Amino acid sequence: MTLAAAQHLQQRASDPTSSVWVSASAGSGKTTVLVSRILRLLLSGILPHRILCLTYTKAAAMEMRLRLSKELTRWATCEATALQRELEKHTGTPPTQAMMDHARSLFAIISDAPDALRIQTIHSFCQSILARFPIEADLSPGFTALDEYQAAPLLRRAMEHAWQENHSETWEKAKNWCTANYSMTQLQDLLPGLMGEWPEISAVMFEIGEADYWAQSFAALNVPENEQEIWRGQMEGAALPMAALRAWLEAKYDADLAEFLSVPDTRIPMRDDYINLFLTGDLLPRKRLLTKEIIHKIGNDYTAMLLAEQERIYALSERAKDQRLATASAAMGIVLARVSTAYQLMKEQHGALDFNDLIQKTHQLLDSRAMGEWVHYKLDGGIDHVLVDEAQDTAPLQWEVITRLVNEFFAGSGRNENTRSLFVVGDPKQSIYSFQGADARVFQHLRESYGQRAAEANASWQDVPMQHSFRTSQNLLVVVDDVFAQPDKRVALQNSDDAIAHATIHDKRMGQIKIYPPIPAPPRQTFSGMAAD
């Protein structure tokens, strides 16, 4: 791709008269496009306070502010010919004298009211909404917002408080499972990422109780509470005649194991060794269970018996895996509900909200029938242009908040004479925050949904794919494209069958591919107590 073609795509994406959805690969200049769009909005006469740019991190917000400041400083101080080139680079057309004069004045406008232009994280934005409407959100006007570092000590105290409780047999089962698999430190690291699930789990727990929640977790997967019940009566050799087992093992030159397993009473305590005969370390059927030489030695009848036994052991292993999953799900759900309940009480006592609360409370406020319309009415006159950065890592509930902000951009009583726009940029291939609730599939779904709504409202809409790279050489990109040309890998990466094809701006830049062997993860230790490791 030529530099001119890439710049044309950037100009399309930054067009302030249109809502735009940008799928931007790494190195394609998405931050440049975001900054350019804000500049073009300001150039077109949009007041700073009518622009809202939502970034994923505070660092990203700071970088964007610095870039804007640097560009506006250059516009205010450069010579006329240089300013003309700069503005034409952004808009694609020669600027008028009026536009150049306005461009020079923007630095002073932003400097006089630096907070008017809102470039902030979704959490910071939600905090500002709740601070503006605390009564409507059923909050204390002086609430405190906790960042993750401030919330951590409170969560530790909540866990310690919950751990000292001893109210039910079910709680003891859940606690015992956790102590067998995690240390206190590991749980403290794990639970914050699960706090977003607290409202749903606690609602179920409140309705049916811990004991039924525990029981239903196993019933849902049709497995017993005790894994031993799955294997009980299954290891005495009823499905595989001992003669077949002995012949097979002796053919594999493992006569000692054959002799040992020939006694049913010894096969039970050696269950793992027996399973290992048929399944790999990943508990998948061994592909080289029987070689041609072994089949020749033991005959077709014993071969059929051994294959049937492998299938039986695999089915039992899968059921045991389901049982372990049910146990983990039940235990972690109960622990999460107990700890979260204690955590919520502590936050209420301190008049504090954490990041999850900010999103949930804002969503409830905007979705409220009683207060939602009033809040929307007050906000509707303030925000005309919403920009969303790193959209692939925006969690579903965060999208719900954004959706309620921009619903009136495309239809309904909120539409006004001003041009209103939504700009979204992201790359599903770079989604890395699923553990915090982000779902890259939502990116594709919302792209289609908003595009359809814009068409129905006869609003200008553009889908702009930016697959070029200002950063990477072509030979590296070719390797990436070749890997993901395989349909299964492509769908796994971006949850769609759209072709992945990158192009570089630097045709002659060199690059080298090195493939290193994977580094095996160390075995995870388990702990019998809750002492920190």
Foldseek 3Di string as FASTA:
>chain_A
DAPVVLLVLLLVQLPQQFFEEEAADPFSCPLVSVLLNLLVCVLVPNQQLQEAEAEADPVSLVVSVVVNLVVLVCLQDPDPVVNQVVVCSSNVDGDDPVSSVSSNCVNVSCVVPVVSRHYYHLLVVLVVLCLVPVVLLVADNPFAEDEPVRLLVLLLVLLVVLVPDDDDPLLVLLVQVCQQFHALVRCSVQLVLVLLVQVVLLVVCVVPNLVVLLVVLCVVLVADLDLVVLCVPPQQQPLADLVLVCLLCVLVVNNVVSVQVSHSVRRVVVVVVVQVLQAPPVLHGDPPSDDPSSCVRRDDVSVVSVVVVSVVSSVSVVSSVSSVVSSNVSSVSVSSNSSSVSSVVVSVVNSYDYSSRSLVSLLCSCPDPVRNVVSLVVCLVRHQEYEYEQLQQQAPSSVSNVCSNCVPLQDDPSDDPDNGYYRYYHHLLPHDVVSNRGDNVVSVVVVVVVVVSNVVSVRHYYYRYRQERAPDEPVVQVVVQVVLVPQVNVCVRRVDRDRRHHHYNDHPDDDDDDDDDDDDDDDDDRHSRRHDD
